[in-house]
């Protein structure tokens, strides 16, 4: 730090969106503190500051919370990599943390209109993913991670709020298959890559783990891998199978894709629609169950900007009723698809972390769809989108949230809105 190290004692307040808790120092300055828990008394090191606020890391715990555990990923602790903000928090404590953040964002950004509707359905809390309910540890859940290569050709991740690469010897949040790949002591597959090059490690459950760089993909034995990766998720009538290119998007938690697809199917099925629109459709995770719902006589249109993802989706859907389109999701596209399908009855939208945005939310509302299902991976973006939908006459009928990213601050929220 250019102005010298600053250490202060703080009493920690509520969690904030992003993985830190809020505190105030003796001067009243707001300090966002990582590696701490609400109610704790800590010694914290200031790592960045602006005029009216600062960012800090808890380096000594003077009074500990009952939710504190020994860090499951010390490399993500003070001075370490980003991405493991809650590695020191018990599984139950993580879900309480995330539930509090969700409600705070819904009230702060969604404001009274949204919070009144959330209260009317009995509130919402972040629940464990299937299979995580009774687990004392949530390690080994990730089926995909991304690292970068350091100057000597070893894998690492970037230090929090820094470009510095911290070398890693393993990644405890990742599956055993990923940690067993011959990559942590260096690997000829990527040892010649420039510093900072991305490396993706992927291990579909029951499938072949793969190492991917911008120069290609290989299996753990160093053999070139040219095809897609295969993912299977169960549903009440059997099994859905998906083939997705290695650099394509897929949920990271081993149960993530299944819990989201099954809940979308449950919510949409209750409306028995024959005309459905899916936005930000990716490789077709929701498209397959939606095509079952509309049936052979119905219509399903999907829209996704990533052309390769649409190609994956078309292959996964086979000869279904779905018509996948490539293009940016904006207000004009929503209106055109609505006209094309003859008036949509249900819309499913799974936007990126930034959310759908006001233009798309208003366009969805203007279709008059009887139900809109919004899948959100960021509570702030979800709150903005819900505010925009609610101000256009939609009512929150159902809200569900899951901790699909243990030991990080991320989680998923699914909201069903119906027309007033």
Protein backbone atom coordinates (compact mmCIF):
# COMPACT_ATOMS: atom_id res chain seq x y z
CA UNK A 1 0.00 0.00 0.00
CA UNK A 2 1.37 3.35 -1.01
CA UNK A 3 0.41 5.07 2.24
CA UNK A 4 1.66 2.36 4.58
CA UNK A 5 -0.13 -0.56 6.19
CA UNK A 6 -3.23 0.33 8.18
CA UNK A 7 -4.57 -2.04 10.85
CA UNK A 8 -7.77 -1.39 12.78
CA UNK A 9 -10.08 -3.19 15.20
CA UNK A 10 -13.65 -3.52 13.97
CA UNK A 11 -16.98 -4.93 15.08
CA UNK A 12 -18.46 -6.67 12.08
CA UNK A 13 -21.98 -5.93 10.87
CA UNK A 14 -24.25 -7.45 8.25
CA UNK A 15 -23.01 -9.24 5.13
CA UNK A 16 -22.96 -7.24 1.90
CA UNK A 17 -23.39 -8.45 -1.65
CA UNK A 18 -19.98 -9.51 -2.93
CA UNK A 19 -18.58 -11.58 -0.08
CA UNK A 20 -17.67 -9.00 2.55
CA UNK A 21 -19.34 -7.71 5.70
CA UNK A 22 -19.98 -4.08 6.54
CA UNK A 23 -18.26 -2.38 9.48
CA UNK A 24 -17.42 1.17 10.52
CA UNK A 25 -14.12 2.32 11.94
CA UNK A 26 -13.71 4.88 14.71
CA UNK A 27 -14.03 7.76 12.24
CA UNK A 28 -17.34 6.41 10.92
CA UNK A 29 -15.84 5.34 7.61
CA UNK A 30 -17.55 2.34 5.99
CA UNK A 31 -15.22 -0.66 5.73
CA UNK A 32 -16.05 -3.79 3.70
CA UNK A 33 -14.33 -6.65 5.50
CA UNK A 34 -13.59 -10.05 3.96
CA UNK A 35 -12.78 -13.19 5.96
CA UNK A 36 -15.02 -12.03 8.82
CA UNK A 37 -18.53 -12.86 10.02
CA UNK A 38 -21.40 -10.78 11.41
CA UNK A 39 -21.01 -10.10 15.13
CA UNK A 40 -17.28 -10.81 15.23
CA UNK A 41 -14.61 -8.53 16.63
CA UNK A 42 -11.54 -8.60 14.40
CA UNK A 43 -8.24 -6.96 13.63
CA UNK A 44 -8.38 -6.03 9.97
CA UNK A 45 -5.80 -4.91 7.43
CA UNK A 46 -6.91 -2.21 5.00
CA UNK A 47 -6.08 -3.34 1.46
CA UNK A 48 -7.70 -0.50 -0.51
CA UNK A 49 -9.39 2.77 0.26
CA UNK A 50 -11.35 5.59 -1.24
CA UNK A 51 -12.38 8.88 0.31
CA UNK A 52 -15.40 7.59 2.23
CA UNK A 53 -14.91 3.83 2.30
CA UNK A 54 -12.28 1.14 2.53
CA UNK A 55 -11.78 -2.58 1.89
CA UNK A 56 -10.12 -4.81 4.44
CA UNK A 57 -9.25 -8.39 5.34
CA UNK A 58 -9.79 -9.86 8.76
CA UNK A 59 -6.34 -11.06 9.86
CA UNK A 60 -7.00 -11.84 13.54
CA UNK A 61 -10.30 -12.93 15.04
CA UNK A 62 -10.70 -11.46 18.54
CA UNK A 63 -14.27 -12.67 19.12
CA UNK A 64 -15.47 -15.46 16.79
CA UNK A 65 -18.93 -16.21 15.44
CA UNK A 66 -20.39 -19.68 16.09
CA UNK A 67 -20.64 -20.02 12.28
CA UNK A 68 -16.85 -19.80 11.90
CA UNK A 69 -14.92 -22.93 10.87
CA UNK A 70 -11.30 -23.50 9.97
CA UNK A 71 -10.89 -22.39 6.37
CA UNK A 72 -11.47 -25.21 3.90
CA UNK A 73 -9.34 -23.34 1.35
CA UNK A 74 -6.48 -21.44 3.02
CA UNK A 75 -5.19 -20.22 -0.36
CA UNK A 76 -8.33 -18.05 -0.56
CA UNK A 77 -7.69 -16.49 2.86
CA UNK A 78 -6.17 -13.07 3.66
CA UNK A 79 -3.69 -12.10 0.97
CA UNK A 80 -4.80 -15.01 -1.19
CA UNK A 81 -6.89 -15.60 -4.29
CA UNK A 82 -10.41 -14.37 -4.87
CA UNK A 83 -13.31 -16.76 -5.24
CA UNK A 84 -13.43 -18.41 -1.81
CA UNK A 85 -14.93 -15.60 0.23
CA UNK A 86 -16.90 -17.93 2.54
CA UNK A 87 -14.31 -20.68 2.97
CA UNK A 88 -14.33 -19.94 6.73
CA UNK A 89 -18.11 -20.28 7.13
CA UNK A 90 -20.12 -23.41 8.04
CA UNK A 91 -22.59 -24.71 5.41
CA UNK A 92 -25.56 -23.54 7.51
CA UNK A 93 -23.87 -20.19 8.10
CA UNK A 94 -23.28 -19.73 4.38
CA UNK A 95 -26.96 -20.21 3.65
CA UNK A 96 -27.97 -17.76 6.39
CA UNK A 97 -25.43 -15.26 4.97
CA UNK A 98 -26.79 -15.63 1.43
CA UNK A 99 -30.42 -15.46 2.56
CA UNK A 100 -29.70 -12.19 4.38
CA UNK A 101 -27.94 -10.77 1.31
CA UNK A 102 -30.84 -11.78 -0.94
CA UNK A 103 -33.44 -10.10 1.26
CA UNK A 104 -31.26 -7.01 1.61
CA UNK A 105 -30.89 -6.69 -2.18
CA UNK A 106 -34.59 -7.31 -2.80
CA UNK A 107 -35.47 -4.51 -0.39
CA UNK A 108 -32.69 -2.10 -1.29
CA UNK A 109 -32.95 -2.42 -5.09
CA UNK A 110 -36.36 -4.01 -5.65
CA UNK A 111 -37.82 -1.61 -3.06
CA UNK A 112 -41.21 -1.81 -1.38
CA UNK A 113 -43.11 -3.15 -4.39
CA UNK A 114 -40.89 -6.23 -4.60
CA UNK A 115 -40.47 -6.80 -0.86
CA UNK A 116 -44.21 -6.64 -0.21
CA UNK A 117 -44.74 -9.37 -2.79
CA UNK A 118 -41.91 -11.51 -1.40
CA UNK A 119 -43.43 -11.15 2.08
CA UNK A 120 -46.83 -12.13 0.68
CA UNK A 121 -45.50 -15.51 -0.50
CA UNK A 122 -43.90 -16.20 2.88
CA UNK A 123 -40.42 -14.87 2.19
CA UNK A 124 -37.47 -16.70 0.68
CA UNK A 125 -34.33 -18.37 1.95
CA UNK A 126 -31.33 -19.90 0.22
CA UNK A 127 -31.58 -23.67 0.41
CA UNK A 128 -28.94 -26.38 -0.05
CA UNK A 129 -28.58 -28.14 -3.36
CA UNK A 130 -29.97 -31.68 -3.44
CA UNK A 131 -27.50 -33.94 -1.68
CA UNK A 132 -25.98 -31.10 0.33
CA UNK A 133 -28.65 -30.97 3.06
CA UNK A 134 -26.92 -33.09 5.71
CA UNK A 135 -23.34 -32.65 4.58
CA UNK A 136 -20.84 -31.30 7.08
CA UNK A 137 -18.58 -30.27 4.21
CA UNK A 138 -19.42 -28.97 0.75
CA UNK A 139 -16.04 -29.56 -0.85
CA UNK A 140 -15.63 -31.30 -4.20
CA UNK A 141 -18.87 -29.97 -5.70
CA UNK A 142 -17.46 -28.16 -8.74
CA UNK A 143 -17.26 -29.91 -12.08
CA UNK A 144 -15.54 -26.98 -13.80
CA UNK A 145 -12.91 -24.45 -12.73
CA UNK A 146 -10.79 -21.86 -14.51
CA UNK A 147 -7.19 -21.05 -13.66
CA UNK A 148 -4.43 -18.98 -15.21
CA UNK A 149 -0.82 -19.87 -15.97
CA UNK A 150 1.97 -18.12 -14.04
CA UNK A 151 5.37 -17.04 -15.38
CA UNK A 152 6.89 -20.50 -14.76
CA UNK A 153 4.01 -22.40 -16.38
CA UNK A 154 2.19 -23.45 -13.22
CA UNK A 155 -1.52 -23.09 -12.53
CA UNK A 156 -2.84 -20.44 -10.21
CA UNK A 157 -5.52 -17.82 -9.69
CA UNK A 158 -5.32 -14.08 -9.31
CA UNK A 159 -4.88 -12.53 -5.92
CA UNK A 160 -7.95 -10.61 -4.75
CA UNK A 161 -8.00 -7.05 -6.20
CA UNK A 162 -4.67 -7.70 -7.92
CA UNK A 163 -3.19 -8.98 -11.18
CA UNK A 164 -0.68 -11.11 -9.26
CA UNK A 165 -1.03 -14.85 -9.89
CA UNK A 166 -0.95 -17.06 -6.79
CA UNK A 167 0.20 -20.61 -7.59
CA UNK A 168 -2.10 -23.41 -6.44
CA UNK A 169 -1.31 -27.00 -5.52
CA UNK A 170 -4.95 -28.13 -5.65
CA UNK A 171 -8.47 -26.72 -5.69
CA UNK A 172 -10.56 -28.16 -2.81
CA UNK A 173 -13.87 -26.81 -4.14
CA UNK A 174 -13.41 -28.88 -7.30
CA UNK A 175 -14.29 -32.54 -7.80
CA UNK A 176 -11.82 -35.31 -7.05
CA UNK A 177 -11.54 -35.97 -10.81
CA UNK A 178 -10.29 -32.42 -11.39
CA UNK A 179 -7.82 -32.57 -8.52
CA UNK A 180 -6.47 -35.88 -9.84
CA UNK A 181 -5.59 -34.36 -13.22
CA UNK A 182 -1.80 -34.08 -13.76
CA UNK A 183 -1.80 -30.29 -13.77
CA UNK A 184 -0.84 -29.05 -10.33
CA UNK A 185 2.90 -29.72 -10.65
CA UNK A 186 3.05 -28.25 -14.14
CA UNK A 187 1.98 -29.89 -17.38
CA UNK A 188 3.48 -29.87 -20.87
CA UNK A 189 0.01 -29.13 -22.28
CA UNK A 190 0.15 -25.55 -21.00
CA UNK A 191 3.68 -25.02 -19.71
CA UNK A 192 4.61 -23.13 -22.89
CA UNK A 193 1.59 -20.81 -22.71
CA UNK A 194 2.10 -17.09 -22.07
CA UNK A 195 1.64 -15.91 -18.50
CA UNK A 196 -2.02 -15.21 -17.74
CA UNK A 197 -3.37 -17.72 -20.28
CA UNK A 198 -6.64 -19.32 -19.22
CA UNK A 199 -6.89 -23.02 -18.46
CA UNK A 200 -10.27 -24.66 -17.92
CA UNK A 201 -10.50 -28.00 -16.10
CA UNK A 202 -13.78 -29.91 -16.59
CA UNK A 203 -14.98 -33.23 -15.21
CA UNK A 204 -18.54 -34.30 -16.09
CA UNK A 205 -19.73 -36.83 -13.47
CA UNK A 206 -18.97 -40.27 -14.81
CA UNK A 207 -17.20 -38.81 -17.85
CA UNK A 208 -13.67 -38.07 -18.98
CA UNK A 209 -11.99 -35.06 -17.31
CA UNK A 210 -10.57 -32.60 -19.83
CA UNK A 211 -7.95 -29.85 -19.82
CA UNK A 212 -8.71 -26.91 -22.13
CA UNK A 213 -6.65 -23.94 -23.27
CA UNK A 214 -7.00 -21.52 -26.18
CA UNK A 215 -4.75 -23.92 -28.13
CA UNK A 216 -7.03 -26.93 -27.72
CA UNK A 217 -8.24 -29.56 -25.28
CA UNK A 218 -6.66 -32.75 -23.93
CA UNK A 219 -7.61 -35.54 -21.59
CA UNK A 220 -5.54 -36.36 -18.50
CA UNK A 221 -3.26 -38.63 -20.55
CA UNK A 222 -2.34 -35.83 -22.95
CA UNK A 223 -4.48 -37.08 -25.83
CA UNK A 224 -6.17 -34.44 -27.96
CA UNK A 225 -9.89 -33.97 -27.24
CA UNK A 226 -11.94 -32.69 -30.18
CA UNK A 227 -15.51 -33.49 -29.26
CA UNK A 228 -18.10 -32.21 -26.80
CA UNK A 229 -18.49 -33.16 -23.15
CA UNK A 230 -21.52 -35.19 -22.13
CA UNK A 231 -23.82 -34.33 -19.24
CA UNK A 232 -26.82 -36.31 -17.99
CA UNK A 233 -29.59 -35.15 -15.68
CA UNK A 234 -32.60 -37.12 -14.53
CA UNK A 235 -36.25 -36.14 -14.79
CA UNK A 236 -39.45 -37.91 -13.70
CA UNK A 237 -39.78 -39.76 -17.01
CA UNK A 238 -36.16 -40.70 -17.50
CA UNK A 239 -32.90 -38.98 -18.39
CA UNK A 240 -31.98 -35.92 -20.45
CA UNK A 241 -28.61 -36.05 -22.20
CA UNK A 242 -26.65 -33.03 -23.37
CA UNK A 243 -23.47 -32.61 -25.41
CA UNK A 244 -21.75 -29.27 -24.78
CA UNK A 245 -18.48 -27.99 -26.22
CA UNK A 246 -15.73 -27.72 -23.57
CA UNK A 247 -15.67 -23.89 -23.61
CA UNK A 248 -19.46 -23.74 -23.48
CA UNK A 249 -21.41 -22.79 -20.37
CA UNK A 250 -22.73 -25.41 -17.98
CA UNK A 251 -23.61 -25.17 -14.30
CA UNK A 252 -20.56 -25.81 -12.11
CA UNK A 253 -22.20 -27.58 -9.15
CA UNK A 254 -22.61 -31.29 -9.76
CA UNK A 255 -26.36 -30.96 -9.03
CA UNK A 256 -26.82 -27.43 -10.40
CA UNK A 257 -28.16 -28.19 -13.86
CA UNK A 258 -30.61 -30.76 -12.54
CA UNK A 259 -32.07 -28.65 -9.75
CA UNK A 260 -32.62 -25.68 -12.07
CA UNK A 261 -34.05 -27.71 -14.96
CA UNK A 262 -36.40 -29.68 -12.71
CA UNK A 263 -37.73 -26.54 -11.01
CA UNK A 264 -38.26 -24.74 -14.33
CA UNK A 265 -40.14 -27.80 -15.57
CA UNK A 266 -42.28 -27.93 -12.43
CA UNK A 267 -43.20 -24.23 -12.55
CA UNK A 268 -43.94 -24.10 -16.28
CA UNK A 269 -45.87 -27.39 -16.33
CA UNK A 270 -48.39 -25.94 -13.87
CA UNK A 271 -49.47 -23.47 -16.60
CA UNK A 272 -49.85 -26.13 -19.34
CA UNK A 273 -48.68 -23.73 -22.05
CA UNK A 274 -48.62 -24.50 -25.76
CA UNK A 275 -46.49 -21.48 -26.77
CA UNK A 276 -43.25 -20.80 -24.86
CA UNK A 277 -40.34 -18.42 -25.40
CA UNK A 278 -36.92 -19.05 -23.85
CA UNK A 279 -34.35 -16.24 -23.70
CA UNK A 280 -30.60 -16.68 -23.11
CA UNK A 281 -31.13 -20.37 -23.87
CA UNK A 282 -27.48 -21.51 -23.97
CA UNK A 283 -26.94 -25.15 -24.88
CA UNK A 284 -30.56 -26.04 -24.23
CA UNK A 285 -30.62 -27.01 -20.55
CA UNK A 286 -34.20 -25.75 -20.17
CA UNK A 287 -35.15 -26.23 -23.82
CA UNK A 288 -35.39 -30.01 -23.55
CA UNK A 289 -37.92 -30.06 -20.68
CA UNK A 290 -39.80 -27.10 -22.19
CA UNK A 291 -40.17 -29.01 -25.48
CA UNK A 292 -41.72 -31.89 -23.53
CA UNK A 293 -44.20 -29.53 -21.91
CA UNK A 294 -45.48 -27.92 -25.11
CA UNK A 295 -45.68 -31.29 -26.85
CA UNK A 296 -45.79 -32.11 -30.55
CA UNK A 297 -48.64 -29.68 -31.21
CA UNK A 298 -47.08 -26.75 -29.34
CA UNK A 299 -44.38 -24.22 -30.16
CA UNK A 300 -41.11 -23.31 -28.43
CA UNK A 301 -38.78 -20.57 -29.66
CA UNK A 302 -35.38 -19.94 -28.07
CA UNK A 303 -32.92 -17.07 -28.43
CA UNK A 304 -29.19 -17.09 -27.62
CA UNK A 305 -26.39 -14.78 -28.79
CA UNK A 306 -23.65 -17.44 -28.76
CA UNK A 307 -23.82 -19.20 -32.11
CA UNK A 308 -21.83 -22.22 -30.91
CA UNK A 309 -24.19 -22.65 -27.94
CA UNK A 310 -27.18 -22.60 -30.30
CA UNK A 311 -25.49 -25.30 -32.40
CA UNK A 312 -25.07 -27.39 -29.23
CA UNK A 313 -28.72 -26.78 -28.34
CA UNK A 314 -29.96 -27.79 -31.79
CA UNK A 315 -27.98 -31.02 -31.54
CA UNK A 316 -29.29 -31.70 -28.02
CA UNK A 317 -32.90 -31.04 -29.01
CA UNK A 318 -32.85 -33.24 -32.08
CA UNK A 319 -36.24 -33.36 -33.81
CA UNK A 320 -38.19 -31.53 -31.11
CA UNK A 321 -40.71 -28.74 -31.69
CA UNK A 322 -38.11 -26.17 -30.62
CA UNK A 323 -36.94 -23.51 -33.07
CA UNK A 324 -33.61 -22.12 -31.85
CA UNK A 325 -32.57 -18.64 -33.01
CA UNK A 326 -29.20 -16.90 -32.86
CA UNK A 327 -29.18 -13.25 -31.87
CA UNK A 328 -28.84 -10.65 -29.16
CA UNK A 329 -31.61 -10.60 -26.58
CA UNK A 330 -33.13 -7.11 -26.74
CA UNK A 331 -36.55 -5.55 -26.80
CA UNK A 332 -36.91 -5.78 -30.57
CA UNK A 333 -36.01 -9.48 -30.61
CA UNK A 334 -38.55 -10.25 -27.87
CA UNK A 335 -41.30 -8.46 -29.81
CA UNK A 336 -40.41 -10.25 -33.05
CA UNK A 337 -40.37 -13.68 -31.42
CA UNK A 338 -43.68 -12.97 -29.72
CA UNK A 339 -45.26 -12.09 -33.06
CA UNK A 340 -43.64 -15.10 -34.72
CA UNK A 341 -45.05 -17.56 -32.18
CA UNK A 342 -48.50 -15.96 -32.23
CA UNK A 343 -48.48 -14.59 -28.69
CA UNK A 344 -46.42 -16.29 -26.02
CA UNK A 345 -48.00 -17.83 -22.92
CA UNK A 346 -44.87 -18.44 -20.82
CA UNK A 347 -41.39 -16.89 -20.99
CA UNK A 348 -38.30 -18.43 -19.37
CA UNK A 349 -35.28 -16.11 -19.11
CA UNK A 350 -31.84 -17.02 -17.73
CA UNK A 351 -29.79 -13.86 -18.32
CA UNK A 352 -26.07 -13.45 -17.57
CA UNK A 353 -24.84 -11.99 -14.29
CA UNK A 354 -25.74 -8.42 -15.29
CA UNK A 355 -29.41 -9.38 -15.60
CA UNK A 356 -31.93 -8.89 -18.40
CA UNK A 357 -32.17 -5.13 -18.01
CA UNK A 358 -35.10 -2.75 -18.21
CA UNK A 359 -35.58 -2.87 -22.00
CA UNK A 360 -35.90 -6.66 -22.09
CA UNK A 361 -38.02 -6.80 -18.92
CA UNK A 362 -40.48 -4.27 -20.31
CA UNK A 363 -40.59 -6.12 -23.64
CA UNK A 364 -41.31 -9.40 -21.85
CA UNK A 365 -44.06 -7.73 -19.83
CA UNK A 366 -45.58 -6.21 -22.97
CA UNK A 367 -46.12 -9.68 -24.45
CA UNK A 368 -48.80 -10.25 -21.81
CA UNK A 369 -47.43 -13.73 -21.05
CA UNK A 370 -49.37 -15.39 -18.25
CA UNK A 371 -46.10 -16.42 -16.54
CA UNK A 372 -42.48 -15.24 -16.65
CA UNK A 373 -39.81 -17.43 -15.04
CA UNK A 374 -36.65 -15.46 -14.23
CA UNK A 375 -33.48 -17.39 -13.37
CA UNK A 376 -30.83 -15.14 -11.80
CA UNK A 377 -27.27 -15.76 -10.63
CA UNK A 378 -26.86 -12.32 -9.03
CA UNK A 379 -29.24 -10.97 -6.36
CA UNK A 380 -28.71 -7.33 -7.31
CA UNK A 381 -29.52 -7.99 -10.97
CA UNK A 382 -32.48 -10.15 -9.94
CA UNK A 383 -33.83 -7.33 -7.79
CA UNK A 384 -33.55 -4.80 -10.64
CA UNK A 385 -35.26 -7.12 -13.10
CA UNK A 386 -38.03 -7.97 -10.64
CA UNK A 387 -38.66 -4.29 -9.96
CA UNK A 388 -38.99 -3.63 -13.70
CA UNK A 389 -41.37 -6.57 -14.20
CA UNK A 390 -43.49 -5.74 -11.18
CA UNK A 391 -43.92 -2.12 -12.22
CA UNK A 392 -45.38 -3.45 -15.51
CA UNK A 393 -48.13 -5.41 -13.81
CA UNK A 394 -46.53 -8.72 -12.84
CA UNK A 395 -46.80 -10.30 -9.40
CA UNK A 396 -44.28 -12.58 -7.71
CA UNK A 397 -46.01 -15.93 -7.28
CA UNK A 398 -43.03 -18.06 -6.29
CA UNK A 399 -39.36 -17.54 -5.42
CA UNK A 400 -36.75 -20.24 -4.83
CA UNK A 401 -33.02 -19.95 -4.14
CA UNK A 402 -30.21 -22.49 -3.88
CA UNK A 403 -26.61 -22.47 -2.76
CA UNK A 404 -25.03 -23.88 -5.92
CA UNK A 405 -21.66 -22.22 -5.22
CA UNK A 406 -20.53 -23.35 -1.74
CA UNK A 407 -17.79 -21.34 -0.02
CA UNK A 408 -18.30 -18.40 -2.39
CA UNK A 409 -20.79 -15.52 -2.18
CA UNK A 410 -22.70 -16.68 -5.29
CA UNK A 411 -26.09 -18.41 -5.42
CA UNK A 412 -29.03 -18.91 -7.80
CA UNK A 413 -32.52 -17.42 -7.55
CA UNK A 414 -35.58 -18.53 -9.55
CA UNK A 415 -38.70 -16.37 -9.56
CA UNK A 416 -42.08 -17.10 -11.14
CA UNK A 417 -44.18 -14.04 -11.92
CA UNK A 418 -47.77 -14.04 -13.08
CA UNK A 419 -49.85 -11.34 -14.71
CA UNK A 420 -52.07 -9.33 -12.33
